[in-house]
């Protein structure tokens, strides 16, 4: 594995945070004194907040505006990132090893930059990265390669030597289609593990295994 540059996803890859995103709509419902049925819980877990808000209005007469819901969601996310989020096990050790080897690193995430800064600072990982790029900045989601291409231009490394570190199948598929080598990191929120294994150039269950792979070079 000839790695000169590394583009890291944040949630689910560097941070153990996907459970927060999956349960966020339910937490917002509960904050309003609404207990969802088992069927609705399954429907809302991992749903986009706009779709979740629409569902809650239809099922429960939820009367908060989209902006009010967005403000409530934003506060919950910020509190989680500022006070609760934890890094994936041995992530810092792996990043330290990459830095020792002179690998250039940045972050490419769907999370807004201020929140990403808060989360990475809390977990002691921010200093490993020269920049944070977000889907909001580039105006495209991760089903488009623009975010990864933007990060690559910043790093200035060759694409074939710049690995994208991801946990999500759809983002890995995008990066591979764009010609990036991909290092897949297991997260239990991603259900398509078999397809992910087949698509990625490297696959690890955790960063301890990733360190072992590096040591074999």
Protein backbone atom coordinates (compact mmCIF):
# COMPACT_ATOMS: atom_id res chain seq x y z
CA UNK A 1 0.00 0.00 0.00
CA UNK A 2 1.82 3.08 -1.28
CA UNK A 3 0.09 5.91 0.59
CA UNK A 4 1.19 9.54 0.31
CA UNK A 5 -2.14 11.23 0.99
CA UNK A 6 -5.22 10.39 3.05
CA UNK A 7 -8.74 11.80 2.85
CA UNK A 8 -10.74 10.84 5.95
CA UNK A 9 -14.47 10.79 6.43
CA UNK A 10 -15.37 11.80 9.99
CA UNK A 11 -18.61 10.23 11.30
CA UNK A 12 -18.36 6.46 11.47
CA UNK A 13 -14.77 6.49 10.22
CA UNK A 14 -12.79 8.60 12.70
CA UNK A 15 -15.52 9.06 15.29
CA UNK A 16 -17.97 6.67 16.93
CA UNK A 17 -20.91 8.94 16.16
CA UNK A 18 -23.29 7.26 13.72
CA UNK A 19 -25.54 6.07 16.55
CA UNK A 20 -26.27 9.72 17.34
CA UNK A 21 -27.36 10.45 13.78
CA UNK A 22 -29.50 7.32 13.65
CA UNK A 23 -31.42 8.11 16.83
CA UNK A 24 -31.60 11.89 16.40
CA UNK A 25 -35.20 12.06 15.07
CA UNK A 26 -36.40 9.89 17.96
CA UNK A 27 -34.62 12.06 20.52
CA UNK A 28 -36.26 15.16 19.08
CA UNK A 29 -39.67 13.49 19.29
CA UNK A 30 -39.06 12.47 22.90
CA UNK A 31 -38.05 16.04 23.77
CA UNK A 32 -41.59 17.05 22.81
CA UNK A 33 -43.12 14.35 24.99
CA UNK A 34 -43.94 12.06 22.06
CA UNK A 35 -43.18 8.35 22.27
CA UNK A 36 -42.99 6.77 18.82
CA UNK A 37 -44.55 3.42 18.03
CA UNK A 38 -42.18 0.55 17.16
CA UNK A 39 -43.12 0.92 13.49
CA UNK A 40 -42.39 4.65 13.50
CA UNK A 41 -39.13 4.15 15.39
CA UNK A 42 -37.93 1.87 12.62
CA UNK A 43 -39.05 4.35 9.99
CA UNK A 44 -37.34 7.33 11.64
CA UNK A 45 -34.00 5.75 12.60
CA UNK A 46 -31.41 7.28 10.33
CA UNK A 47 -33.97 9.39 8.43
CA UNK A 48 -33.21 12.84 7.10
CA UNK A 49 -34.56 15.38 9.60
CA UNK A 50 -36.82 16.99 6.98
CA UNK A 51 -38.45 13.67 6.14
CA UNK A 52 -38.67 12.86 9.85
CA UNK A 53 -40.37 16.20 10.52
CA UNK A 54 -42.89 15.58 7.75
CA UNK A 55 -43.65 12.11 9.13
CA UNK A 56 -44.09 13.47 12.65
CA UNK A 57 -46.48 16.14 11.44
CA UNK A 58 -48.57 13.54 9.63
CA UNK A 59 -48.58 11.04 12.51
CA UNK A 60 -48.71 13.31 15.56
CA UNK A 61 -49.67 16.80 14.43
CA UNK A 62 -46.11 17.98 15.16
CA UNK A 63 -46.41 21.79 14.98
CA UNK A 64 -42.82 22.97 15.00
CA UNK A 65 -41.60 24.73 11.86
CA UNK A 66 -38.69 23.36 9.87
CA UNK A 67 -36.50 26.15 11.25
CA UNK A 68 -37.50 25.38 14.83
CA UNK A 69 -36.78 21.70 14.26
CA UNK A 70 -33.44 22.55 12.62
CA UNK A 71 -32.48 24.72 15.60
CA UNK A 72 -33.37 21.94 18.04
CA UNK A 73 -31.47 19.38 15.98
CA UNK A 74 -28.46 21.69 15.73
CA UNK A 75 -28.32 22.15 19.50
CA UNK A 76 -28.46 18.40 20.11
CA UNK A 77 -25.74 17.69 17.58
CA UNK A 78 -23.49 20.43 18.94
CA UNK A 79 -23.95 19.17 22.50
CA UNK A 80 -23.07 15.63 21.43
CA UNK A 81 -19.94 16.70 19.57
CA UNK A 82 -18.83 19.07 22.31
CA UNK A 83 -19.44 16.81 25.31
CA UNK A 84 -19.96 13.17 24.37
CA UNK A 85 -18.46 11.98 21.09
CA UNK A 86 -15.56 9.54 21.23
CA UNK A 87 -12.95 8.65 18.61
CA UNK A 88 -12.84 5.17 17.14
CA UNK A 89 -10.49 2.90 19.09
CA UNK A 90 -6.81 3.46 18.17
CA UNK A 91 -7.70 6.12 15.58
CA UNK A 92 -5.20 8.55 17.10
CA UNK A 93 -2.46 5.89 17.05
CA UNK A 94 -3.11 5.22 13.38
CA UNK A 95 -3.09 8.92 12.49
CA UNK A 96 0.14 9.37 14.43
CA UNK A 97 1.74 6.56 12.42
CA UNK A 98 0.61 8.13 9.15
CA UNK A 99 2.04 11.48 10.24
CA UNK A 100 5.31 9.80 11.18
CA UNK A 101 5.47 8.45 7.65
CA UNK A 102 4.90 11.90 6.17
CA UNK A 103 1.40 11.20 4.84
CA UNK A 104 -0.61 14.36 4.09
CA UNK A 105 -4.09 14.24 5.62
CA UNK A 106 -7.38 16.11 5.45
CA UNK A 107 -11.04 15.48 6.28
CA UNK A 108 -13.98 15.25 3.85
CA UNK A 109 -17.29 15.12 5.68
CA UNK A 110 -21.03 15.67 5.33
CA UNK A 111 -21.02 17.40 8.73
CA UNK A 112 -20.84 21.21 8.74
CA UNK A 113 -17.36 22.56 9.36
CA UNK A 114 -17.96 24.29 12.74
CA UNK A 115 -19.37 21.05 14.16
CA UNK A 116 -16.56 18.98 12.63
CA UNK A 117 -14.02 21.32 14.22
CA UNK A 118 -15.68 20.92 17.63
CA UNK A 119 -15.82 17.14 17.36
CA UNK A 120 -12.24 16.64 16.18
CA UNK A 121 -10.89 19.05 18.79
CA UNK A 122 -12.72 17.20 21.57
CA UNK A 123 -11.28 13.89 20.42
CA UNK A 124 -7.74 15.26 20.09
CA UNK A 125 -7.58 14.60 16.34
CA UNK A 126 -7.81 18.05 14.75
CA UNK A 127 -4.06 18.71 14.53
CA UNK A 128 -3.50 15.73 12.26
CA UNK A 129 -5.40 17.39 9.41
CA UNK A 130 -4.39 20.34 7.28
CA UNK A 131 -8.00 21.11 6.30
CA UNK A 132 -11.64 20.08 6.66
CA UNK A 133 -13.81 19.99 3.53
CA UNK A 134 -17.59 19.62 3.72
CA UNK A 135 -20.45 18.88 1.34
CA UNK A 136 -21.88 22.29 2.20
CA UNK A 137 -18.68 23.97 1.00
CA UNK A 138 -18.55 22.20 -2.35
CA UNK A 139 -22.32 22.06 -2.89
CA UNK A 140 -22.43 18.34 -3.66
CA UNK A 141 -23.18 15.23 -1.61
CA UNK A 142 -20.85 12.24 -1.47
CA UNK A 143 -22.62 10.51 -4.31
CA UNK A 144 -20.65 13.00 -6.42
CA UNK A 145 -16.80 12.91 -6.40
CA UNK A 146 -16.36 16.69 -6.14
CA UNK A 147 -15.69 16.61 -2.39
CA UNK A 148 -12.93 14.04 -2.79
CA UNK A 149 -11.47 15.82 -5.81
CA UNK A 150 -11.40 19.11 -3.88
CA UNK A 151 -9.57 17.45 -0.99
CA UNK A 152 -7.11 15.86 -3.43
CA UNK A 153 -6.22 19.23 -4.99
CA UNK A 154 -5.54 20.58 -1.52
CA UNK A 155 -3.23 17.71 -0.60
CA UNK A 156 -1.38 17.87 -3.93
CA UNK A 157 -0.68 14.14 -3.95
CA UNK A 158 -1.21 11.71 -6.82
CA UNK A 159 -4.69 10.18 -6.90
CA UNK A 160 -3.30 6.64 -7.06
CA UNK A 161 -1.36 7.31 -3.84
CA UNK A 162 -4.19 9.10 -2.02
CA UNK A 163 -6.50 6.80 -0.06
CA UNK A 164 -10.05 7.69 0.86
CA UNK A 165 -10.91 6.38 4.34
CA UNK A 166 -14.64 5.73 4.60
CA UNK A 167 -17.25 3.62 6.37
CA UNK A 168 -20.24 4.25 4.08
CA UNK A 169 -20.81 2.06 1.04
CA UNK A 170 -22.28 4.80 -1.16
CA UNK A 171 -19.30 7.12 -0.53
CA UNK A 172 -16.83 4.29 -1.14
CA UNK A 173 -18.56 3.52 -4.42
CA UNK A 174 -18.23 7.18 -5.43
CA UNK A 175 -14.54 7.35 -4.56
CA UNK A 176 -13.74 4.10 -6.36
CA UNK A 177 -15.61 5.20 -9.49
CA UNK A 178 -13.55 8.41 -9.44
CA UNK A 179 -10.30 6.42 -9.39
CA UNK A 180 -9.31 6.70 -5.73
CA UNK A 181 -7.95 3.74 -3.75
CA UNK A 182 -10.22 3.18 -0.77
CA UNK A 183 -9.56 2.08 2.79
CA UNK A 184 -12.85 0.87 4.30
CA UNK A 185 -13.34 1.07 8.07
CA UNK A 186 -16.09 -1.00 9.69
CA UNK A 187 -18.98 0.74 11.38
CA UNK A 188 -22.07 -1.13 12.53
CA UNK A 189 -24.37 1.52 11.04
CA UNK A 190 -23.38 0.37 7.54
CA UNK A 191 -25.33 -2.76 6.67
CA UNK A 192 -23.73 -3.46 3.27
CA UNK A 193 -20.51 -4.91 4.65
CA UNK A 194 -20.20 -7.72 2.10
CA UNK A 195 -20.41 -5.33 -0.86
CA UNK A 196 -18.14 -2.87 0.92
CA UNK A 197 -15.45 -5.54 1.41
CA UNK A 198 -15.60 -6.48 -2.25
CA UNK A 199 -15.30 -2.89 -3.44
CA UNK A 200 -12.62 -1.49 -1.13
CA UNK A 201 -8.88 -1.90 -1.68
CA UNK A 202 -8.36 -2.42 2.05
CA UNK A 203 -10.89 -3.32 4.73
CA UNK A 204 -10.37 -3.26 8.50
CA UNK A 205 -12.61 -3.90 11.46
CA UNK A 206 -10.73 -1.30 13.52
CA UNK A 207 -7.58 0.82 13.56
CA UNK A 208 -5.57 -1.77 15.45
CA UNK A 209 -5.92 -3.96 12.37
CA UNK A 210 -5.02 -0.98 10.20
CA UNK A 211 -1.81 -0.49 12.18
CA UNK A 212 -0.97 -4.15 11.66
CA UNK A 213 -1.39 -3.71 7.91
CA UNK A 214 0.97 -0.74 7.91
CA UNK A 215 3.54 -2.62 9.97
CA UNK A 216 3.71 -5.37 7.36
CA UNK A 217 4.96 -2.98 4.68
